[in-house]
N, C-alpha and C. Protein backbone atom coordinates (compact mmCIF):
# COMPACT_ATOMS: atom_id res chain seq x y z
N MET A 1 -10.52 -11.06 18.74
CA MET A 1 -10.87 -9.67 18.49
C MET A 1 -9.63 -8.82 18.21
N LYS A 2 -8.50 -9.21 18.79
CA LYS A 2 -7.27 -8.43 18.64
C LYS A 2 -6.86 -8.28 17.18
N ASP A 3 -6.94 -9.37 16.40
CA ASP A 3 -6.57 -9.30 14.98
C ASP A 3 -7.48 -8.35 14.22
N PHE A 4 -8.76 -8.40 14.50
CA PHE A 4 -9.72 -7.51 13.85
C PHE A 4 -9.39 -6.05 14.14
N VAL A 5 -9.15 -5.74 15.40
CA VAL A 5 -8.85 -4.37 15.80
C VAL A 5 -7.55 -3.90 15.14
N ASN A 6 -6.55 -4.76 15.07
CA ASN A 6 -5.29 -4.38 14.43
C ASN A 6 -5.46 -4.06 12.95
N VAL A 7 -6.28 -4.82 12.25
CA VAL A 7 -6.53 -4.54 10.83
C VAL A 7 -7.26 -3.21 10.69
N MET A 8 -8.23 -2.97 11.54
CA MET A 8 -8.97 -1.71 11.48
C MET A 8 -8.06 -0.52 11.80
N LYS A 9 -7.19 -0.69 12.78
CA LYS A 9 -6.24 0.38 13.12
C LYS A 9 -5.28 0.65 11.97
N ALA A 10 -4.84 -0.41 11.31
CA ALA A 10 -3.91 -0.24 10.19
C ALA A 10 -4.53 0.59 9.08
N LEU A 11 -5.83 0.47 8.91
CA LEU A 11 -6.51 1.21 7.84
C LEU A 11 -7.16 2.50 8.34
N SER A 12 -6.81 2.91 9.55
CA SER A 12 -7.38 4.14 10.10
C SER A 12 -6.63 5.39 9.64
N ASP A 13 -5.55 5.21 8.91
CA ASP A 13 -4.77 6.34 8.41
C ASP A 13 -5.00 6.48 6.89
N PRO A 14 -5.33 7.69 6.43
CA PRO A 14 -5.60 7.88 5.00
C PRO A 14 -4.44 7.48 4.08
N ASN A 15 -3.21 7.74 4.50
CA ASN A 15 -2.07 7.36 3.66
C ASN A 15 -1.94 5.84 3.53
N ARG A 16 -2.27 5.11 4.58
CA ARG A 16 -2.21 3.66 4.49
C ARG A 16 -3.31 3.13 3.57
N VAL A 17 -4.48 3.75 3.61
CA VAL A 17 -5.55 3.36 2.68
C VAL A 17 -5.11 3.65 1.25
N ARG A 18 -4.48 4.80 1.03
CA ARG A 18 -3.98 5.14 -0.31
C ARG A 18 -2.96 4.10 -0.80
N ILE A 19 -2.08 3.70 0.09
CA ILE A 19 -1.07 2.70 -0.27
C ILE A 19 -1.75 1.39 -0.67
N VAL A 20 -2.70 0.93 0.11
CA VAL A 20 -3.40 -0.31 -0.20
C VAL A 20 -4.12 -0.19 -1.54
N LYS A 21 -4.79 0.92 -1.78
CA LYS A 21 -5.49 1.11 -3.04
C LYS A 21 -4.51 1.12 -4.23
N MET A 22 -3.34 1.72 -4.07
CA MET A 22 -2.35 1.72 -5.15
C MET A 22 -1.81 0.32 -5.39
N LEU A 23 -1.60 -0.43 -4.31
CA LEU A 23 -1.07 -1.78 -4.44
C LEU A 23 -2.08 -2.74 -5.08
N GLN A 24 -3.34 -2.34 -5.15
CA GLN A 24 -4.32 -3.14 -5.87
C GLN A 24 -4.01 -3.15 -7.37
N HIS A 25 -3.32 -2.13 -7.82
CA HIS A 25 -3.05 -1.96 -9.25
C HIS A 25 -1.64 -2.36 -9.66
N LYS A 26 -0.69 -2.27 -8.71
CA LYS A 26 0.71 -2.46 -9.11
C LYS A 26 1.58 -2.73 -7.88
N THR A 27 2.56 -3.60 -8.03
CA THR A 27 3.58 -3.78 -7.01
C THR A 27 4.46 -2.53 -7.02
N LEU A 28 4.78 -2.02 -5.83
CA LEU A 28 5.53 -0.77 -5.73
C LEU A 28 6.66 -0.89 -4.71
N CYS A 29 7.67 -0.03 -4.88
CA CYS A 29 8.73 0.08 -3.88
C CYS A 29 8.49 1.38 -3.09
N VAL A 30 9.26 1.56 -2.04
CA VAL A 30 9.09 2.72 -1.17
C VAL A 30 9.24 4.02 -1.94
N CYS A 31 10.25 4.12 -2.80
CA CYS A 31 10.48 5.39 -3.50
C CYS A 31 9.34 5.73 -4.45
N GLU A 32 8.69 4.73 -5.04
CA GLU A 32 7.55 5.00 -5.91
C GLU A 32 6.36 5.51 -5.10
N ILE A 33 6.12 4.88 -3.97
CA ILE A 33 5.02 5.32 -3.10
C ILE A 33 5.29 6.74 -2.61
N GLN A 34 6.52 6.99 -2.21
CA GLN A 34 6.93 8.31 -1.73
C GLN A 34 6.69 9.37 -2.82
N ALA A 35 7.06 9.05 -4.06
CA ALA A 35 6.90 10.01 -5.15
C ALA A 35 5.43 10.32 -5.42
N ILE A 36 4.58 9.33 -5.34
CA ILE A 36 3.16 9.54 -5.62
C ILE A 36 2.48 10.28 -4.47
N LEU A 37 2.73 9.85 -3.24
CA LEU A 37 2.04 10.46 -2.09
C LEU A 37 2.68 11.76 -1.62
N GLN A 38 3.93 11.98 -2.04
CA GLN A 38 4.65 13.20 -1.63
C GLN A 38 4.77 13.29 -0.10
N ILE A 39 5.18 12.17 0.49
CA ILE A 39 5.48 12.16 1.93
C ILE A 39 6.89 11.61 2.11
N ALA A 40 7.46 11.83 3.27
CA ALA A 40 8.84 11.45 3.55
C ALA A 40 9.03 9.93 3.52
N GLN A 41 10.23 9.51 3.11
CA GLN A 41 10.55 8.09 3.02
C GLN A 41 10.36 7.36 4.36
N PRO A 42 10.80 7.94 5.50
CA PRO A 42 10.56 7.22 6.76
C PRO A 42 9.07 7.02 7.07
N SER A 43 8.25 7.97 6.66
CA SER A 43 6.80 7.83 6.86
C SER A 43 6.24 6.69 6.01
N VAL A 44 6.67 6.62 4.76
CA VAL A 44 6.22 5.53 3.88
C VAL A 44 6.64 4.19 4.48
N SER A 45 7.89 4.09 4.90
CA SER A 45 8.39 2.84 5.49
C SER A 45 7.60 2.46 6.73
N LYS A 46 7.27 3.42 7.56
CA LYS A 46 6.49 3.15 8.78
C LYS A 46 5.09 2.64 8.42
N HIS A 47 4.45 3.30 7.45
CA HIS A 47 3.12 2.86 7.02
C HIS A 47 3.17 1.44 6.47
N LEU A 48 4.17 1.15 5.65
CA LEU A 48 4.29 -0.19 5.08
C LEU A 48 4.53 -1.25 6.16
N LYS A 49 5.32 -0.90 7.16
CA LYS A 49 5.58 -1.85 8.26
C LYS A 49 4.29 -2.18 9.01
N ILE A 50 3.48 -1.17 9.25
CA ILE A 50 2.19 -1.38 9.94
C ILE A 50 1.30 -2.28 9.09
N LEU A 51 1.21 -1.99 7.79
CA LEU A 51 0.39 -2.80 6.89
C LEU A 51 0.92 -4.23 6.80
N GLU A 52 2.22 -4.37 6.82
CA GLU A 52 2.83 -5.70 6.74
C GLU A 52 2.58 -6.49 8.03
N ASN A 53 2.68 -5.83 9.16
CA ASN A 53 2.47 -6.51 10.44
C ASN A 53 1.05 -7.02 10.61
N THR A 54 0.09 -6.40 9.95
CA THR A 54 -1.30 -6.85 10.06
C THR A 54 -1.66 -7.88 9.00
N GLY A 55 -0.75 -8.14 8.06
CA GLY A 55 -1.00 -9.13 7.04
C GLY A 55 -1.69 -8.60 5.79
N LEU A 56 -1.80 -7.28 5.67
CA LEU A 56 -2.41 -6.68 4.49
C LEU A 56 -1.44 -6.62 3.32
N VAL A 57 -0.16 -6.41 3.64
CA VAL A 57 0.88 -6.20 2.64
C VAL A 57 2.03 -7.16 2.92
N GLU A 58 2.71 -7.57 1.85
CA GLU A 58 3.92 -8.38 2.01
C GLU A 58 5.02 -7.76 1.18
N SER A 59 6.24 -8.06 1.56
CA SER A 59 7.39 -7.50 0.83
C SER A 59 8.27 -8.63 0.34
N LYS A 60 9.00 -8.34 -0.73
CA LYS A 60 9.92 -9.31 -1.29
C LYS A 60 11.12 -8.56 -1.84
N LYS A 61 12.30 -8.96 -1.41
CA LYS A 61 13.54 -8.33 -1.87
C LYS A 61 13.84 -8.81 -3.28
N ASP A 62 14.19 -7.84 -4.15
CA ASP A 62 14.53 -8.15 -5.53
C ASP A 62 15.73 -7.30 -5.92
N GLY A 63 16.93 -7.82 -5.67
CA GLY A 63 18.14 -7.05 -5.93
C GLY A 63 18.21 -5.84 -5.02
N LEU A 64 18.26 -4.66 -5.61
CA LEU A 64 18.32 -3.42 -4.84
C LEU A 64 16.96 -3.02 -4.28
N TRP A 65 15.91 -3.56 -4.83
CA TRP A 65 14.56 -3.12 -4.49
C TRP A 65 13.90 -4.03 -3.46
N VAL A 66 13.01 -3.44 -2.69
CA VAL A 66 12.08 -4.22 -1.88
C VAL A 66 10.71 -3.91 -2.46
N ASN A 67 10.08 -4.93 -3.01
CA ASN A 67 8.77 -4.77 -3.65
C ASN A 67 7.66 -5.08 -2.66
N TYR A 68 6.64 -4.23 -2.68
CA TYR A 68 5.48 -4.41 -1.79
C TYR A 68 4.26 -4.72 -2.63
N ASN A 69 3.48 -5.67 -2.17
CA ASN A 69 2.22 -6.01 -2.81
C ASN A 69 1.22 -6.45 -1.75
N LEU A 70 -0.04 -6.51 -2.16
CA LEU A 70 -1.07 -6.98 -1.23
C LEU A 70 -0.94 -8.48 -1.05
N THR A 71 -1.31 -8.95 0.12
CA THR A 71 -1.32 -10.39 0.38
C THR A 71 -2.58 -11.00 -0.24
N ASP A 72 -2.67 -12.30 -0.19
CA ASP A 72 -3.88 -12.96 -0.69
C ASP A 72 -4.94 -13.06 0.41
N GLY A 73 -4.60 -12.64 1.64
CA GLY A 73 -5.58 -12.62 2.72
C GLY A 73 -5.79 -13.95 3.42
N ARG A 74 -5.00 -14.96 3.05
CA ARG A 74 -5.19 -16.29 3.66
C ARG A 74 -4.90 -16.32 5.15
N ALA A 75 -4.04 -15.45 5.63
CA ALA A 75 -3.61 -15.49 7.04
C ALA A 75 -4.71 -15.04 7.99
N SER A 76 -5.68 -14.28 7.49
CA SER A 76 -6.71 -13.74 8.38
C SER A 76 -8.01 -13.53 7.62
N PRO A 77 -9.12 -13.98 8.19
CA PRO A 77 -10.41 -13.73 7.52
C PRO A 77 -10.74 -12.24 7.46
N TYR A 78 -10.22 -11.47 8.41
CA TYR A 78 -10.48 -10.03 8.43
C TYR A 78 -9.73 -9.35 7.28
N VAL A 79 -8.49 -9.76 7.08
CA VAL A 79 -7.70 -9.20 5.98
C VAL A 79 -8.34 -9.57 4.65
N ALA A 80 -8.72 -10.82 4.48
CA ALA A 80 -9.33 -11.27 3.23
C ALA A 80 -10.61 -10.48 2.94
N SER A 81 -11.43 -10.31 3.94
CA SER A 81 -12.69 -9.59 3.76
C SER A 81 -12.46 -8.12 3.42
N ILE A 82 -11.58 -7.48 4.17
CA ILE A 82 -11.30 -6.06 3.94
C ILE A 82 -10.69 -5.84 2.57
N LEU A 83 -9.70 -6.65 2.19
CA LEU A 83 -9.08 -6.49 0.87
C LEU A 83 -10.09 -6.70 -0.25
N GLY A 84 -10.97 -7.67 -0.07
CA GLY A 84 -12.02 -7.92 -1.07
C GLY A 84 -12.96 -6.73 -1.20
N ASN A 85 -13.37 -6.18 -0.09
CA ASN A 85 -14.29 -5.04 -0.12
C ASN A 85 -13.61 -3.77 -0.60
N LEU A 86 -12.36 -3.56 -0.21
CA LEU A 86 -11.65 -2.35 -0.62
C LEU A 86 -11.49 -2.25 -2.14
N ARG A 87 -11.54 -3.39 -2.82
CA ARG A 87 -11.47 -3.36 -4.29
C ARG A 87 -12.60 -2.51 -4.87
N HIS A 88 -13.72 -2.44 -4.17
CA HIS A 88 -14.89 -1.74 -4.68
C HIS A 88 -15.15 -0.41 -3.97
N TRP A 89 -14.53 -0.21 -2.85
CA TRP A 89 -14.76 1.01 -2.08
C TRP A 89 -13.83 2.12 -2.55
N LEU A 90 -14.28 3.34 -2.41
CA LEU A 90 -13.50 4.57 -2.63
C LEU A 90 -13.09 4.77 -4.09
N GLU A 91 -13.75 4.10 -5.02
CA GLU A 91 -13.40 4.24 -6.42
C GLU A 91 -13.65 5.64 -6.96
N ASP A 92 -14.53 6.39 -6.31
CA ASP A 92 -14.84 7.74 -6.79
C ASP A 92 -14.14 8.84 -5.98
N ASP A 93 -13.22 8.47 -5.11
CA ASP A 93 -12.49 9.46 -4.32
C ASP A 93 -11.50 10.19 -5.23
N PRO A 94 -11.60 11.53 -5.32
CA PRO A 94 -10.73 12.28 -6.24
C PRO A 94 -9.24 12.14 -5.93
N GLY A 95 -8.86 12.14 -4.68
CA GLY A 95 -7.45 12.01 -4.31
C GLY A 95 -6.88 10.66 -4.71
N LEU A 96 -7.65 9.62 -4.46
CA LEU A 96 -7.21 8.28 -4.85
C LEU A 96 -7.15 8.13 -6.37
N THR A 97 -8.11 8.72 -7.04
CA THR A 97 -8.11 8.67 -8.50
C THR A 97 -6.84 9.30 -9.06
N GLU A 98 -6.42 10.42 -8.50
CA GLU A 98 -5.19 11.08 -8.93
C GLU A 98 -3.97 10.21 -8.67
N ASN A 99 -3.93 9.57 -7.50
CA ASN A 99 -2.82 8.66 -7.18
C ASN A 99 -2.75 7.51 -8.17
N ILE A 100 -3.88 6.93 -8.48
CA ILE A 100 -3.94 5.78 -9.39
C ILE A 100 -3.49 6.19 -10.80
N LYS A 101 -3.85 7.39 -11.21
CA LYS A 101 -3.46 7.88 -12.55
C LYS A 101 -1.94 8.00 -12.69
N LYS A 102 -1.25 8.22 -11.59
CA LYS A 102 0.20 8.38 -11.62
C LYS A 102 0.94 7.05 -11.70
N LEU A 103 0.29 5.96 -11.37
CA LEU A 103 0.95 4.66 -11.32
C LEU A 103 1.64 4.24 -12.62
N PRO A 104 1.02 4.39 -13.77
CA PRO A 104 1.69 3.94 -15.00
C PRO A 104 2.96 4.72 -15.36
N VAL A 105 3.08 5.93 -14.86
CA VAL A 105 4.24 6.75 -15.25
C VAL A 105 5.35 6.81 -14.21
N VAL A 106 5.09 6.33 -13.02
CA VAL A 106 6.12 6.36 -11.98
C VAL A 106 7.13 5.23 -12.25
N ARG A 107 8.39 5.58 -12.27
CA ARG A 107 9.46 4.62 -12.57
C ARG A 107 10.54 4.71 -11.51
N ARG A 108 10.74 3.63 -10.81
CA ARG A 108 11.73 3.59 -9.72
C ARG A 108 13.13 3.94 -10.21
N GLU A 109 13.46 3.50 -11.41
CA GLU A 109 14.81 3.76 -11.94
C GLU A 109 15.06 5.26 -12.08
N GLU A 110 14.05 6.00 -12.47
CA GLU A 110 14.18 7.45 -12.64
C GLU A 110 14.16 8.16 -11.28
N ILE A 111 13.33 7.70 -10.38
CA ILE A 111 13.19 8.35 -9.07
C ILE A 111 14.46 8.17 -8.25
N CYS A 112 15.00 6.97 -8.23
CA CYS A 112 16.12 6.65 -7.33
C CYS A 112 17.48 7.05 -7.89
N LYS A 113 17.57 7.46 -9.13
CA LYS A 113 18.86 7.87 -9.66
C LYS A 113 19.20 9.31 -9.32
N LYS A 114 18.23 10.02 -8.74
CA LYS A 114 18.46 11.43 -8.37
C LYS A 114 19.43 11.58 -7.24
């Protein structure tokens, strides 16, 4: 039951749900997520750590960047089920729709050179 509760807790924050929904469309780094959600970098990092600890998200270092993407859900049946269902949930949420629209134009190279 502990794993189930941890996954549910990880998705109990709206910003973490937004991050998961964005990662369904594109691999992102912290600065890209920060730019889209307009929240502080430490907050983004904290949210990603929680998502990573539950097995929803994984990270991979690529030079200067740390790329975040969704896992395949193999580590937990709860993660697999939630990620599968989240693909279809909240598609009509206006806030999420706005976040998703920003994905094609957000560029880490432009954000991080400031």
